[in-house]
Amino acid sequence: MSQTQDRMSTLDAGFFYAEHHNVPMHTGSVAVFDGPTPTRADLMRLFEAKLPRVPRYRQVVRTAPFQLLRPVWADDQEFAIRHHVRHASVPAPGGQEQLQATAAELGGRAAHEGAGS
């Protein structure tokens, strides 16, 4: 696989350098669907099938020494979808209140927690 690099925009670099433990810059969302619950394996296959359409999702940030240049996005040669898909359960009775509490807990964690970083 060839190594692709793309320099971050000034705005993206600003967000990247602004983020730290007390200033998380990540976002999240919750989607609720009708129908049977897909298995984790089904979700992994679906995500893996879509990854080629969005190369950025398989990239990591590389910085220059002394931050002389804006960071670049580079292909992650060790990318594994299993490091990015997690299972979480909503406690009983599993209603909207419990879903909101679980989403708030997960969203409040630092972006790097549990990601193998």
C-alpha atoms as a PDB file:
ATOM      1  CA  MET A   1       0.000   0.000   0.000  1.00  0.00           C
ATOM      2  CA  SER A   2       1.423   3.388  -0.935  1.00  0.00           C
ATOM      3  CA  GLN A   3       1.820   6.083   1.686  1.00  0.00           C
ATOM      4  CA  THR A   4      -0.548   9.011   1.067  1.00  0.00           C
ATOM      5  CA  GLN A   5      -0.078  12.280   2.917  1.00  0.00           C
ATOM      6  CA  ASP A   6      -2.255  15.370   2.873  1.00  0.00           C
ATOM      7  CA  ARG A   7      -1.370  18.526   4.827  1.00  0.00           C
ATOM      8  CA  MET A   8      -4.097  19.723   7.232  1.00  0.00           C
ATOM      9  CA  SER A   9      -5.857  22.987   6.584  1.00  0.00           C
ATOM     10  CA  THR A  10      -4.987  25.861   8.894  1.00  0.00           C
ATOM     11  CA  LEU A  11      -8.379  25.502  10.595  1.00  0.00           C
ATOM     12  CA  ASP A  12      -7.958  21.743  11.150  1.00  0.00           C
ATOM     13  CA  ALA A  13      -4.439  22.260  12.491  1.00  0.00           C
ATOM     14  CA  GLY A  14      -5.766  24.889  14.901  1.00  0.00           C
ATOM     15  CA  PHE A  15      -8.339  22.430  16.249  1.00  0.00           C
ATOM     16  CA  PHE A  16      -5.706  19.687  16.438  1.00  0.00           C
ATOM     17  CA  TYR A  17      -3.306  21.831  18.472  1.00  0.00           C
ATOM     18  CA  ALA A  18      -6.115  23.210  20.679  1.00  0.00           C
ATOM     19  CA  GLU A  19      -7.245  19.757  21.802  1.00  0.00           C
ATOM     20  CA  HIS A  20      -5.962  18.357  25.081  1.00  0.00           C
ATOM     21  CA  HIS A  21      -7.403  16.544  28.092  1.00  0.00           C
ATOM     22  CA  ASN A  22      -9.311  19.588  29.400  1.00  0.00           C
ATOM     23  CA  VAL A  23     -10.391  20.747  25.927  1.00  0.00           C
ATOM     24  CA  PRO A  24     -11.745  17.753  24.003  1.00  0.00           C
ATOM     25  CA  MET A  25     -12.542  18.588  20.389  1.00  0.00           C
ATOM     26  CA  HIS A  26     -14.242  15.321  19.417  1.00  0.00           C
ATOM     27  CA  THR A  27     -17.919  15.010  18.556  1.00  0.00           C
ATOM     28  CA  GLY A  28     -20.353  12.137  18.716  1.00  0.00           C
ATOM     29  CA  SER A  29     -23.885  11.180  17.839  1.00  0.00           C
ATOM     30  CA  VAL A  30     -26.521   8.576  18.620  1.00  0.00           C
ATOM     31  CA  ALA A  31     -28.748   6.996  16.005  1.00  0.00           C
ATOM     32  CA  VAL A  32     -31.683   4.739  16.844  1.00  0.00           C
ATOM     33  CA  PHE A  33     -32.970   2.356  14.189  1.00  0.00           C
ATOM     34  CA  ASP A  34     -36.011   0.106  13.986  1.00  0.00           C
ATOM     35  CA  GLY A  35     -35.607  -3.574  13.300  1.00  0.00           C
ATOM     36  CA  PRO A  36     -33.428  -6.382  14.557  1.00  0.00           C
ATOM     37  CA  THR A  37     -30.132  -5.562  16.223  1.00  0.00           C
ATOM     38  CA  PRO A  38     -27.191  -6.285  13.895  1.00  0.00           C
ATOM     39  CA  THR A  39     -24.368  -8.387  15.282  1.00  0.00           C
ATOM     40  CA  ARG A  40     -20.967  -6.835  15.942  1.00  0.00           C
ATOM     41  CA  ALA A  41     -19.583  -8.954  13.094  1.00  0.00           C
ATOM     42  CA  ASP A  42     -22.258  -7.601  10.731  1.00  0.00           C
ATOM     43  CA  LEU A  43     -21.384  -4.017  11.717  1.00  0.00           C
ATOM     44  CA  MET A  44     -17.667  -4.662  11.270  1.00  0.00           C
ATOM     45  CA  ARG A  45     -18.256  -6.059   7.767  1.00  0.00           C
ATOM     46  CA  LEU A  46     -20.450  -3.080   6.871  1.00  0.00           C
ATOM     47  CA  PHE A  47     -17.874  -0.537   8.110  1.00  0.00           C
ATOM     48  CA  GLU A  48     -15.004  -2.381   6.409  1.00  0.00           C
ATOM     49  CA  ALA A  49     -16.931  -2.388   3.128  1.00  0.00           C
ATOM     50  CA  LYS A  50     -17.466   1.388   3.328  1.00  0.00           C
ATOM     51  CA  LEU A  51     -13.932   2.370   4.426  1.00  0.00           C
ATOM     52  CA  PRO A  52     -12.493   2.561   0.884  1.00  0.00           C
ATOM     53  CA  ARG A  53     -14.996   5.354   0.142  1.00  0.00           C
ATOM     54  CA  VAL A  54     -13.590   7.578   2.932  1.00  0.00           C
ATOM     55  CA  PRO A  55      -9.781   7.232   3.032  1.00  0.00           C
ATOM     56  CA  ARG A  56      -9.475   9.834   5.824  1.00  0.00           C
ATOM     57  CA  TYR A  57     -10.990   7.333   8.265  1.00  0.00           C
ATOM     58  CA  ARG A  58      -7.901   5.136   7.842  1.00  0.00           C
ATOM     59  CA  GLN A  59      -5.398   7.914   8.455  1.00  0.00           C
ATOM     60  CA  VAL A  60      -3.458   9.284  11.416  1.00  0.00           C
ATOM     61  CA  VAL A  61      -1.956  12.692  12.154  1.00  0.00           C
ATOM     62  CA  ARG A  62       1.793  13.204  11.776  1.00  0.00           C
ATOM     63  CA  THR A  63       3.385  16.386  13.101  1.00  0.00           C
ATOM     64  CA  ALA A  64       6.546  18.190  12.047  1.00  0.00           C
ATOM     65  CA  PRO A  65       9.359  18.864  14.524  1.00  0.00           C
ATOM     66  CA  PHE A  66       8.790  22.064  16.505  1.00  0.00           C
ATOM     67  CA  GLN A  67       5.417  22.449  14.727  1.00  0.00           C
ATOM     68  CA  LEU A  68       7.204  24.259  11.885  1.00  0.00           C
ATOM     69  CA  LEU A  69       4.663  22.981   9.366  1.00  0.00           C
ATOM     70  CA  ARG A  70       0.990  22.102   9.650  1.00  0.00           C
ATOM     71  CA  PRO A  71       0.435  18.417  10.487  1.00  0.00           C
ATOM     72  CA  VAL A  72      -0.275  15.921   7.732  1.00  0.00           C
ATOM     73  CA  TRP A  73      -2.810  13.143   7.457  1.00  0.00           C
ATOM     74  CA  ALA A  74      -0.957   9.908   6.636  1.00  0.00           C
ATOM     75  CA  ASP A  75      -2.224   6.427   5.861  1.00  0.00           C
ATOM     76  CA  ASP A  76      -2.221   4.272   8.991  1.00  0.00           C
ATOM     77  CA  GLN A  77      -0.357   1.150   7.912  1.00  0.00           C
ATOM     78  CA  GLU A  78      -1.598  -0.675  11.022  1.00  0.00           C
ATOM     79  CA  PHE A  79      -5.254   0.400  10.818  1.00  0.00           C
ATOM     80  CA  ALA A  80      -7.682  -2.173  12.227  1.00  0.00           C
ATOM     81  CA  ILE A  81     -11.408  -1.484  12.434  1.00  0.00           C
ATOM     82  CA  ARG A  82     -11.616  -3.574  15.641  1.00  0.00           C
ATOM     83  CA  HIS A  83      -9.692  -0.807  17.428  1.00  0.00           C
ATOM     84  CA  HIS A  84     -12.450   1.686  16.628  1.00  0.00           C
ATOM     85  CA  VAL A  85     -15.715  -0.216  17.110  1.00  0.00           C
ATOM     86  CA  ARG A  86     -16.792  -0.794  20.692  1.00  0.00           C
ATOM     87  CA  HIS A  87     -19.787  -2.502  22.248  1.00  0.00           C
ATOM     88  CA  ALA A  88     -21.776  -0.723  24.941  1.00  0.00           C
ATOM     89  CA  SER A  89     -25.003  -1.773  26.634  1.00  0.00           C
ATOM     90  CA  VAL A  90     -27.718   0.493  27.919  1.00  0.00           C
ATOM     91  CA  PRO A  91     -28.819  -0.535  31.435  1.00  0.00           C
ATOM     92  CA  ALA A  92     -32.369  -1.723  32.123  1.00  0.00           C
ATOM     93  CA  PRO A  93     -35.008  -0.748  31.465  1.00  0.00           C
ATOM     94  CA  GLY A  94     -33.259   0.490  28.307  1.00  0.00           C
ATOM     95  CA  GLY A  95     -35.374   3.557  27.653  1.00  0.00           C
ATOM     96  CA  GLN A  96     -34.481   7.019  26.421  1.00  0.00           C
ATOM     97  CA  GLU A  97     -33.231   8.153  29.850  1.00  0.00           C
ATOM     98  CA  GLN A  98     -30.761   5.256  30.083  1.00  0.00           C
ATOM     99  CA  LEU A  99     -29.681   5.763  26.467  1.00  0.00           C
ATOM    100  CA  GLN A 100     -29.009   9.462  27.101  1.00  0.00           C
ATOM    101  CA  ALA A 101     -27.015   8.680  30.261  1.00  0.00           C
ATOM    102  CA  THR A 102     -24.923   6.061  28.452  1.00  0.00           C
ATOM    103  CA  ALA A 103     -24.296   8.398  25.507  1.00  0.00           C
ATOM    104  CA  ALA A 104     -23.283  11.201  27.886  1.00  0.00           C
ATOM    105  CA  GLU A 105     -20.866   8.898  29.711  1.00  0.00           C
ATOM    106  CA  LEU A 106     -19.254   7.673  26.494  1.00  0.00           C
ATOM    107  CA  GLY A 107     -19.134  11.157  24.972  1.00  0.00           C
ATOM    108  CA  GLY A 108     -17.501  12.554  28.066  1.00  0.00           C
ATOM    109  CA  ARG A 109     -14.507  10.232  27.831  1.00  0.00           C
ATOM    110  CA  ALA A 110     -11.303  11.427  26.246  1.00  0.00           C
ATOM    111  CA  ALA A 111     -11.161  10.492  22.558  1.00  0.00           C
ATOM    112  CA  HIS A 112      -8.039   8.368  23.038  1.00  0.00           C
ATOM    113  CA  GLU A 113      -9.373   6.254  25.925  1.00  0.00           C
ATOM    114  CA  GLY A 114      -9.902   2.641  25.042  1.00  0.00           C
ATOM    115  CA  ALA A 115      -8.665   3.104  21.477  1.00  0.00           C
ATOM    116  CA  GLY A 116      -5.402   1.327  22.020  1.00  0.00           C
ATOM    117  CA  SER A 117      -3.503   4.612  22.277  1.00  0.00           C
END
